[in-house]
Amino acid sequence: MVIARYNGIDQWALHKHNRIEYAETVHHIIPTADNMALFFMDDNLIPVSRSSHDEIHRLYKKQNQAIQAELQEILKGNVVGGIGKV
């Protein structure tokens, strides 16, 4: 399970805002409407809280590709700070 792999920590809040929040859901970096084949792919899922999920979706309306790239970098561990995968 993706959330457990990241110790239940919201990776967006941790890396973007330097806050520790519990992840309640996962966000599909590439929306399932764009590519259903990525629905269960771990490298397309990032654990987030409800507030982070809402923030990401608001940002997608303005800068979709840039935010997707940033989320992918967080998953790859190329962002300074935070707690990595178990």
PDB file of N, CA and C in Angstrom:
ATOM      1  N   MET A   1       0.841  -1.185   0.000  1.00  0.00           N
ATOM      2  CA  MET A   1       0.000   0.000   0.000  1.00  0.00           C
ATOM      3  C   MET A   1       0.884   1.245   0.000  1.00  0.00           C
ATOM      4  N   VAL A   2       0.547   2.175  -0.849  1.00  0.00           N
ATOM      5  CA  VAL A   2       1.374   3.365  -1.049  1.00  0.00           C
ATOM      6  C   VAL A   2       1.472   4.214   0.217  1.00  0.00           C
ATOM      7  N   ILE A   3       0.373   4.423   0.904  1.00  0.00           N
ATOM      8  CA  ILE A   3       0.397   5.265   2.106  1.00  0.00           C
ATOM      9  C   ILE A   3       1.332   4.678   3.155  1.00  0.00           C
ATOM     10  N   ALA A   4       1.268   3.378   3.378  1.00  0.00           N
ATOM     11  CA  ALA A   4       2.132   2.724   4.367  1.00  0.00           C
ATOM     12  C   ALA A   4       3.603   2.816   3.979  1.00  0.00           C
ATOM     13  N   ARG A   5       3.894   2.739   2.696  1.00  0.00           N
ATOM     14  CA  ARG A   5       5.280   2.803   2.227  1.00  0.00           C
ATOM     15  C   ARG A   5       5.943   4.125   2.629  1.00  0.00           C
ATOM     16  N   TYR A   6       5.144   5.160   2.771  1.00  0.00           N
ATOM     17  CA  TYR A   6       5.651   6.480   3.146  1.00  0.00           C
ATOM     18  C   TYR A   6       5.309   6.816   4.597  1.00  0.00           C
ATOM     19  N   ASN A   7       5.139   5.785   5.413  1.00  0.00           N
ATOM     20  CA  ASN A   7       4.874   5.950   6.847  1.00  0.00           C
ATOM     21  C   ASN A   7       3.635   6.783   7.141  1.00  0.00           C
ATOM     22  N   GLY A   8       2.671   6.783   6.220  1.00  0.00           N
ATOM     23  CA  GLY A   8       1.437   7.528   6.439  1.00  0.00           C
ATOM     24  C   GLY A   8       1.589   9.033   6.369  1.00  0.00           C
ATOM     25  N   ILE A   9       2.700   9.496   5.807  1.00  0.00           N
ATOM     26  CA  ILE A   9       2.990  10.932   5.768  1.00  0.00           C
ATOM     27  C   ILE A   9       2.617  11.526   4.411  1.00  0.00           C
ATOM     28  N   ASP A  10       1.942  12.655   4.450  1.00  0.00           N
ATOM     29  CA  ASP A  10       1.582  13.426   3.266  1.00  0.00           C
ATOM     30  C   ASP A  10       2.880  13.969   2.657  1.00  0.00           C
ATOM     31  N   GLN A  11       3.232  13.469   1.494  1.00  0.00           N
ATOM     32  CA  GLN A  11       4.499  13.843   0.867  1.00  0.00           C
ATOM     33  C   GLN A  11       4.486  15.256   0.285  1.00  0.00           C
ATOM     34  N   TRP A  12       3.346  15.732  -0.152  1.00  0.00           N
ATOM     35  CA  TRP A  12       3.249  17.102  -0.674  1.00  0.00           C
ATOM     36  C   TRP A  12       3.474  18.110   0.457  1.00  0.00           C
ATOM     37  N   ALA A  13       2.758  17.953   1.567  1.00  0.00           N
ATOM     38  CA  ALA A  13       2.904  18.868   2.704  1.00  0.00           C
ATOM     39  C   ALA A  13       4.335  18.838   3.231  1.00  0.00           C
ATOM     40  N   LEU A  14       4.922  17.665   3.273  1.00  0.00           N
ATOM     41  CA  LEU A  14       6.271  17.510   3.798  1.00  0.00           C
ATOM     42  C   LEU A  14       7.299  18.216   2.927  1.00  0.00           C
ATOM     43  N   HIS A  15       7.254  17.964   1.633  1.00  0.00           N
ATOM     44  CA  HIS A  15       8.281  18.494   0.737  1.00  0.00           C
ATOM     45  C   HIS A  15       7.997  19.911   0.253  1.00  0.00           C
ATOM     46  N   LYS A  16       6.746  20.282   0.127  1.00  0.00           N
ATOM     47  CA  LYS A  16       6.390  21.606  -0.383  1.00  0.00           C
ATOM     48  C   LYS A  16       6.289  22.637   0.731  1.00  0.00           C
ATOM     49  N   HIS A  17       5.764  22.225   1.894  1.00  0.00           N
ATOM     50  CA  HIS A  17       5.485  23.172   2.972  1.00  0.00           C
ATOM     51  C   HIS A  17       6.257  22.872   4.257  1.00  0.00           C
ATOM     52  N   ASN A  18       7.095  21.828   4.227  1.00  0.00           N
ATOM     53  CA  ASN A  18       7.890  21.444   5.396  1.00  0.00           C
ATOM     54  C   ASN A  18       7.003  21.192   6.628  1.00  0.00           C
ATOM     55  N   ARG A  19       5.854  20.547   6.391  1.00  0.00           N
ATOM     56  CA  ARG A  19       4.909  20.202   7.457  1.00  0.00           C
ATOM     57  C   ARG A  19       4.689  18.700   7.469  1.00  0.00           C
ATOM     58  N   ILE A  20       4.466  18.172   8.654  1.00  0.00           N
ATOM     59  CA  ILE A  20       4.102  16.762   8.761  1.00  0.00           C
ATOM     60  C   ILE A  20       2.594  16.675   8.954  1.00  0.00           C
ATOM     61  N   GLU A  21       1.952  16.005   7.997  1.00  0.00           N
ATOM     62  CA  GLU A  21       0.514  15.758   8.046  1.00  0.00           C
ATOM     63  C   GLU A  21       0.293  14.301   7.683  1.00  0.00           C
ATOM     64  N   TYR A  22      -0.773  13.739   8.180  1.00  0.00           N
ATOM     65  CA  TYR A  22      -1.095  12.358   7.847  1.00  0.00           C
ATOM     66  C   TYR A  22      -1.764  12.282   6.482  1.00  0.00           C
ATOM     67  N   ALA A  23      -1.355  11.303   5.708  1.00  0.00           N
ATOM     68  CA  ALA A  23      -1.965  11.056   4.400  1.00  0.00           C
ATOM     69  C   ALA A  23      -3.249  10.264   4.595  1.00  0.00           C
ATOM     70  N   GLU A  24      -4.310  10.740   3.988  1.00  0.00           N
ATOM     71  CA  GLU A  24      -5.610  10.078   4.084  1.00  0.00           C
ATOM     72  C   GLU A  24      -6.003   9.406   2.776  1.00  0.00           C
ATOM     73  N   THR A  25      -5.317   9.784   1.718  1.00  0.00           N
ATOM     74  CA  THR A  25      -5.663   9.276   0.397  1.00  0.00           C
ATOM     75  C   THR A  25      -4.413   9.299  -0.474  1.00  0.00           C
ATOM     76  N   VAL A  26      -4.552   8.854  -1.698  1.00  0.00           N
ATOM     77  CA  VAL A  26      -3.460   8.984  -2.667  1.00  0.00           C
ATOM     78  C   VAL A  26      -3.946   9.848  -3.824  1.00  0.00           C
ATOM     79  N   HIS A  27      -3.020  10.553  -4.415  1.00  0.00           N
ATOM     80  CA  HIS A  27      -3.317  11.380  -5.584  1.00  0.00           C
ATOM     81  C   HIS A  27      -2.721  10.706  -6.806  1.00  0.00           C
ATOM     82  N   HIS A  28      -3.499  10.620  -7.885  1.00  0.00           N
ATOM     83  CA  HIS A  28      -2.996  10.109  -9.162  1.00  0.00           C
ATOM     84  C   HIS A  28      -2.296  11.266  -9.874  1.00  0.00           C
ATOM     85  N   ILE A  29      -0.995  11.182 -10.018  1.00  0.00           N
ATOM     86  CA  ILE A  29      -0.229  12.264 -10.633  1.00  0.00           C
ATOM     87  C   ILE A  29      -0.715  12.512 -12.061  1.00  0.00           C
ATOM     88  N   ILE A  30      -0.767  11.466 -12.851  1.00  0.00           N
ATOM     89  CA  ILE A  30      -1.402  11.535 -14.166  1.00  0.00           C
ATOM     90  C   ILE A  30      -2.847  11.102 -13.941  1.00  0.00           C
ATOM     91  N   PRO A  31      -3.810  11.993 -14.153  1.00  0.00           N
ATOM     92  CA  PRO A  31      -5.208  11.647 -13.870  1.00  0.00           C
ATOM     93  C   PRO A  31      -5.664  10.399 -14.612  1.00  0.00           C
ATOM     94  N   THR A  32      -6.502   9.635 -13.960  1.00  0.00           N
ATOM     95  CA  THR A  32      -6.995   8.400 -14.572  1.00  0.00           C
ATOM     96  C   THR A  32      -7.808   8.689 -15.825  1.00  0.00           C
ATOM     97  N   ALA A  33      -8.408   9.862 -15.903  1.00  0.00           N
ATOM     98  CA  ALA A  33      -9.150  10.232 -17.119  1.00  0.00           C
ATOM     99  C   ALA A  33      -8.210  10.345 -18.319  1.00  0.00           C
ATOM    100  N   ASP A  34      -6.940  10.670 -18.054  1.00  0.00           N
ATOM    101  CA  ASP A  34      -5.949  10.802 -19.126  1.00  0.00           C
ATOM    102  C   ASP A  34      -5.295   9.475 -19.480  1.00  0.00           C
ATOM    103  N   ASN A  35      -5.167   8.581 -18.481  1.00  0.00           N
ATOM    104  CA  ASN A  35      -4.506   7.297 -18.732  1.00  0.00           C
ATOM    105  C   ASN A  35      -4.942   6.283 -17.672  1.00  0.00           C
ATOM    106  N   MET A  36      -5.966   5.538 -17.962  1.00  0.00           N
ATOM    107  CA  MET A  36      -6.512   4.558 -17.016  1.00  0.00           C
ATOM    108  C   MET A  36      -5.512   3.451 -16.686  1.00  0.00           C
ATOM    109  N   ALA A  37      -4.559   3.185 -17.568  1.00  0.00           N
ATOM    110  CA  ALA A  37      -3.562   2.136 -17.330  1.00  0.00           C
ATOM    111  C   ALA A  37      -2.684   2.453 -16.121  1.00  0.00           C
ATOM    112  N   LEU A  38      -2.621   3.720 -15.714  1.00  0.00           N
ATOM    113  CA  LEU A  38      -1.786   4.124 -14.578  1.00  0.00           C
ATOM    114  C   LEU A  38      -2.532   4.093 -13.246  1.00  0.00           C
ATOM    115  N   PHE A  39      -3.777   3.641 -13.249  1.00  0.00           N
ATOM    116  CA  PHE A  39      -4.620   3.701 -12.056  1.00  0.00           C
ATOM    117  C   PHE A  39      -3.968   3.073 -10.826  1.00  0.00           C
ATOM    118  N   PHE A  40      -3.380   1.886 -10.959  1.00  0.00           N
ATOM    119  CA  PHE A  40      -2.786   1.177  -9.820  1.00  0.00           C
ATOM    120  C   PHE A  40      -1.260   1.221  -9.803  1.00  0.00           C
ATOM    121  N   MET A  41      -0.645   2.008 -10.649  1.00  0.00           N
ATOM    122  CA  MET A  41       0.818   2.062 -10.730  1.00  0.00           C
ATOM    123  C   MET A  41       1.372   2.897  -9.573  1.00  0.00           C
ATOM    124  N   ASP A  42       2.232   2.282  -8.760  1.00  0.00           N
ATOM    125  CA  ASP A  42       2.786   2.974  -7.594  1.00  0.00           C
ATOM    126  C   ASP A  42       3.508   4.266  -7.952  1.00  0.00           C
ATOM    127  N   ASP A  43       4.166   4.291  -9.117  1.00  0.00           N
ATOM    128  CA  ASP A  43       4.914   5.497  -9.472  1.00  0.00           C
ATOM    129  C   ASP A  43       4.006   6.611 -10.007  1.00  0.00           C
ATOM    130  N   ASN A  44       2.700   6.383  -9.981  1.00  0.00           N
ATOM    131  CA  ASN A  44       1.734   7.423 -10.335  1.00  0.00           C
ATOM    132  C   ASN A  44       0.896   7.843  -9.122  1.00  0.00           C
ATOM    133  N   LEU A  45       1.178   7.265  -7.962  1.00  0.00           N
ATOM    134  CA  LEU A  45       0.401   7.532  -6.750  1.00  0.00           C
ATOM    135  C   LEU A  45       1.276   8.170  -5.682  1.00  0.00           C
ATOM    136  N   ILE A  46       0.786   9.242  -5.095  1.00  0.00           N
ATOM    137  CA  ILE A  46       1.519   9.898  -4.017  1.00  0.00           C
ATOM    138  C   ILE A  46       0.562  10.088  -2.837  1.00  0.00           C
ATOM    139  N   PRO A  47       0.995   9.708  -1.622  1.00  0.00           N
ATOM    140  CA  PRO A  47       0.118   9.846  -0.459  1.00  0.00           C
ATOM    141  C   PRO A  47      -0.008  11.308  -0.030  1.00  0.00           C
ATOM    142  N   VAL A  48      -1.256  11.737   0.186  1.00  0.00           N
ATOM    143  CA  VAL A  48      -1.525  13.120   0.566  1.00  0.00           C
ATOM    144  C   VAL A  48      -2.704  13.192   1.533  1.00  0.00           C
ATOM    145  N   SER A  49      -2.797  14.304   2.224  1.00  0.00           N
ATOM    146  CA  SER A  49      -3.966  14.591   3.060  1.00  0.00           C
ATOM    147  C   SER A  49      -5.070  15.145   2.159  1.00  0.00           C
ATOM    148  N   ARG A  50      -6.243  15.261   2.698  1.00  0.00           N
ATOM    149  CA  ARG A  50      -7.360  15.827   1.928  1.00  0.00           C
ATOM    150  C   ARG A  50      -7.046  17.267   1.517  1.00  0.00           C
ATOM    151  N   SER A  51      -6.484  18.063   2.442  1.00  0.00           N
ATOM    152  CA  SER A  51      -6.189  19.464   2.108  1.00  0.00           C
ATOM    153  C   SER A  51      -5.119  19.569   1.023  1.00  0.00           C
ATOM    154  N   SER A  52      -4.103  18.708   1.079  1.00  0.00           N
ATOM    155  CA  SER A  52      -3.079  18.716   0.030  1.00  0.00           C
ATOM    156  C   SER A  52      -3.666  18.278  -1.304  1.00  0.00           C
ATOM    157  N   HIS A  53      -4.531  17.277  -1.260  1.00  0.00           N
ATOM    158  CA  HIS A  53      -5.168  16.798  -2.488  1.00  0.00           C
ATOM    159  C   HIS A  53      -5.959  17.930  -3.151  1.00  0.00           C
ATOM    160  N   ASP A  54      -6.702  18.670  -2.352  1.00  0.00           N
ATOM    161  CA  ASP A  54      -7.470  19.804  -2.879  1.00  0.00           C
ATOM    162  C   ASP A  54      -6.538  20.879  -3.439  1.00  0.00           C
ATOM    163  N   GLU A  55      -5.447  21.159  -2.719  1.00  0.00           N
ATOM    164  CA  GLU A  55      -4.475  22.159  -3.180  1.00  0.00           C
ATOM    165  C   GLU A  55      -3.868  21.752  -4.523  1.00  0.00           C
ATOM    166  N   ILE A  56      -3.478  20.496  -4.642  1.00  0.00           N
ATOM    167  CA  ILE A  56      -2.875  20.001  -5.887  1.00  0.00           C
ATOM    168  C   ILE A  56      -3.859  20.150  -7.044  1.00  0.00           C
ATOM    169  N   HIS A  57      -5.104  19.805  -6.827  1.00  0.00           N
ATOM    170  CA  HIS A  57      -6.097  19.927  -7.902  1.00  0.00           C
ATOM    171  C   HIS A  57      -6.324  21.388  -8.295  1.00  0.00           C
ATOM    172  N   ARG A  58      -6.277  22.302  -7.328  1.00  0.00           N
ATOM    173  CA  ARG A  58      -6.375  23.733  -7.666  1.00  0.00           C
ATOM    174  C   ARG A  58      -5.183  24.158  -8.519  1.00  0.00           C
ATOM    175  N   LEU A  59      -3.992  23.696  -8.142  1.00  0.00           N
ATOM    176  CA  LEU A  59      -2.781  24.044  -8.889  1.00  0.00           C
ATOM    177  C   LEU A  59      -2.780  23.435 -10.285  1.00  0.00           C
ATOM    178  N   TYR A  60      -3.360  22.249 -10.429  1.00  0.00           N
ATOM    179  CA  TYR A  60      -3.434  21.592 -11.740  1.00  0.00           C
ATOM    180  C   TYR A  60      -4.160  22.474 -12.753  1.00  0.00           C
ATOM    181  N   LYS A  61      -5.122  23.263 -12.298  1.00  0.00           N
ATOM    182  CA  LYS A  61      -5.885  24.122 -13.214  1.00  0.00           C
ATOM    183  C   LYS A  61      -5.008  25.206 -13.834  1.00  0.00           C
ATOM    184  N   LYS A  62      -3.938  25.602 -13.128  1.00  0.00           N
ATOM    185  CA  LYS A  62      -3.074  26.682 -13.596  1.00  0.00           C
ATOM    186  C   LYS A  62      -1.791  26.172 -14.238  1.00  0.00           C
ATOM    187  N   GLN A  63      -1.208  25.140 -13.656  1.00  0.00           N
ATOM    188  CA  GLN A  63       0.112  24.682 -14.091  1.00  0.00           C
ATOM    189  C   GLN A  63       0.240  23.165 -13.986  1.00  0.00           C
ATOM    190  N   ASN A  64      -0.617  22.485 -14.687  1.00  0.00           N
ATOM    191  CA  ASN A  64      -0.739  21.036 -14.613  1.00  0.00           C
ATOM    192  C   ASN A  64       0.590  20.304 -14.790  1.00  0.00           C
ATOM    193  N   GLN A  65       1.275  20.533 -15.888  1.00  0.00           N
ATOM    194  CA  GLN A  65       2.498  19.775 -16.177  1.00  0.00           C
ATOM    195  C   GLN A  65       3.612  20.073 -15.181  1.00  0.00           C
ATOM    196  N   ALA A  66       3.732  21.303 -14.748  1.00  0.00           N
ATOM    197  CA  ALA A  66       4.770  21.659 -13.776  1.00  0.00           C
ATOM    198  C   ALA A  66       4.525  20.963 -12.440  1.00  0.00           C
ATOM    199  N   ILE A  67       3.284  20.916 -11.999  1.00  0.00           N
ATOM    200  CA  ILE A  67       2.956  20.262 -10.728  1.00  0.00           C
ATOM    201  C   ILE A  67       3.136  18.756 -10.852  1.00  0.00           C
ATOM    202  N   GLN A  68       2.745  18.180 -11.983  1.00  0.00           N
ATOM    203  CA  GLN A  68       2.963  16.749 -12.198  1.00  0.00           C
ATOM    204  C   GLN A  68       4.452  16.426 -12.124  1.00  0.00           C
ATOM    205  N   ALA A  69       5.282  17.248 -12.741  1.00  0.00           N
ATOM    206  CA  ALA A  69       6.731  17.023 -12.712  1.00  0.00           C
ATOM    207  C   ALA A  69       7.265  17.130 -11.285  1.00  0.00           C
ATOM    208  N   GLU A  70       6.769  18.105 -10.531  1.00  0.00           N
ATOM    209  CA  GLU A  70       7.204  18.268  -9.141  1.00  0.00           C
ATOM    210  C   GLU A  70       6.807  17.057  -8.293  1.00  0.00           C
ATOM    211  N   LEU A  71       5.605  16.555  -8.473  1.00  0.00           N
ATOM    212  CA  LEU A  71       5.156  15.374  -7.737  1.00  0.00           C
ATOM    213  C   LEU A  71       6.000  14.152  -8.089  1.00  0.00           C
ATOM    214  N   GLN A  72       6.344  14.007  -9.351  1.00  0.00           N
ATOM    215  CA  GLN A  72       7.186  12.881  -9.766  1.00  0.00           C
ATOM    216  C   GLN A  72       8.581  12.985  -9.154  1.00  0.00           C
ATOM    217  N   GLU A  73       9.113  14.189  -9.051  1.00  0.00           N
ATOM    218  CA  GLU A  73      10.419  14.379  -8.410  1.00  0.00           C
ATOM    219  C   GLU A  73      10.349  14.034  -6.924  1.00  0.00           C
ATOM    220  N   ILE A  74       9.262  14.385  -6.270  1.00  0.00           N
ATOM    221  CA  ILE A  74       9.086  14.022  -4.860  1.00  0.00           C
ATOM    222  C   ILE A  74       9.133  12.506  -4.712  1.00  0.00           C
ATOM    223  N   LEU A  75       8.430  11.789  -5.573  1.00  0.00           N
ATOM    224  CA  LEU A  75       8.426  10.324  -5.497  1.00  0.00           C
ATOM    225  C   LEU A  75       9.796   9.730  -5.770  1.00  0.00           C
ATOM    226  N   LYS A  76      10.550  10.342  -6.661  1.00  0.00           N
ATOM    227  CA  LYS A  76      11.887   9.837  -6.989  1.00  0.00           C
ATOM    228  C   LYS A  76      12.894  10.136  -5.885  1.00  0.00           C
ATOM    229  N   GLY A  77      12.515  10.998  -4.949  1.00  0.00           N
ATOM    230  CA  GLY A  77      13.432  11.353  -3.873  1.00  0.00           C
ATOM    231  C   GLY A  77      14.398  12.445  -4.260  1.00  0.00           C
ATOM    232  N   ASN A  78      14.090  13.183  -5.320  1.00  0.00           N
ATOM    233  CA  ASN A  78      14.975  14.239  -5.795  1.00  0.00           C
ATOM    234  C   ASN A  78      14.643  15.596  -5.203  1.00  0.00           C
ATOM    235  N   VAL A  79      13.870  15.598  -4.125  1.00  0.00           N
ATOM    236  CA  VAL A  79      13.508  16.835  -3.461  1.00  0.00           C
ATOM    237  C   VAL A  79      14.163  16.820  -2.092  1.00  0.00           C
ATOM    238  N   VAL A  80      14.772  17.923  -1.718  1.00  0.00           N
ATOM    239  CA  VAL A  80      15.480  18.010  -0.442  1.00  0.00           C
ATOM    240  C   VAL A  80      14.480  17.983   0.704  1.00  0.00           C
ATOM    241  N   GLY A  81      14.845  17.282   1.770  1.00  0.00           N
ATOM    242  CA  GLY A  81      14.011  17.242   2.966  1.00  0.00           C
ATOM    243  C   GLY A  81      13.023  16.094   2.943  1.00  0.00           C
ATOM    244  N   GLY A  82      12.390  15.886   4.073  1.00  0.00           N
ATOM    245  CA  GLY A  82      11.323  14.901   4.123  1.00  0.00           C
ATOM    246  C   GLY A  82      11.767  13.520   4.545  1.00  0.00           C
ATOM    247  N   ILE A  83      10.785  12.667   4.649  1.00  0.00           N
ATOM    248  CA  ILE A  83      10.985  11.279   5.051  1.00  0.00           C
ATOM    249  C   ILE A  83      10.822  10.417   3.818  1.00  0.00           C
ATOM    250  N   GLY A  84      11.787   9.607   3.545  1.00  0.00           N
ATOM    251  CA  GLY A  84      11.744   8.761   2.356  1.00  0.00           C
ATOM    252  C   GLY A  84      10.892   7.527   2.533  1.00  0.00           C
ATOM    253  N   LYS A  85      10.916   6.728   1.504  1.00  0.00           N
ATOM    254  CA  LYS A  85      10.158   5.475   1.513  1.00  0.00           C
ATOM    255  C   LYS A  85      10.750   4.484   2.498  1.00  0.00           C
ATOM    256  N   VAL A  86       9.916   3.567   2.937  1.00  0.00           N
ATOM    257  CA  VAL A  86      10.367   2.463   3.792  1.00  0.00           C
ATOM    258  C   VAL A  86      10.788   1.329   2.895  1.00  0.00           C
TER     259      VAL A  86
END
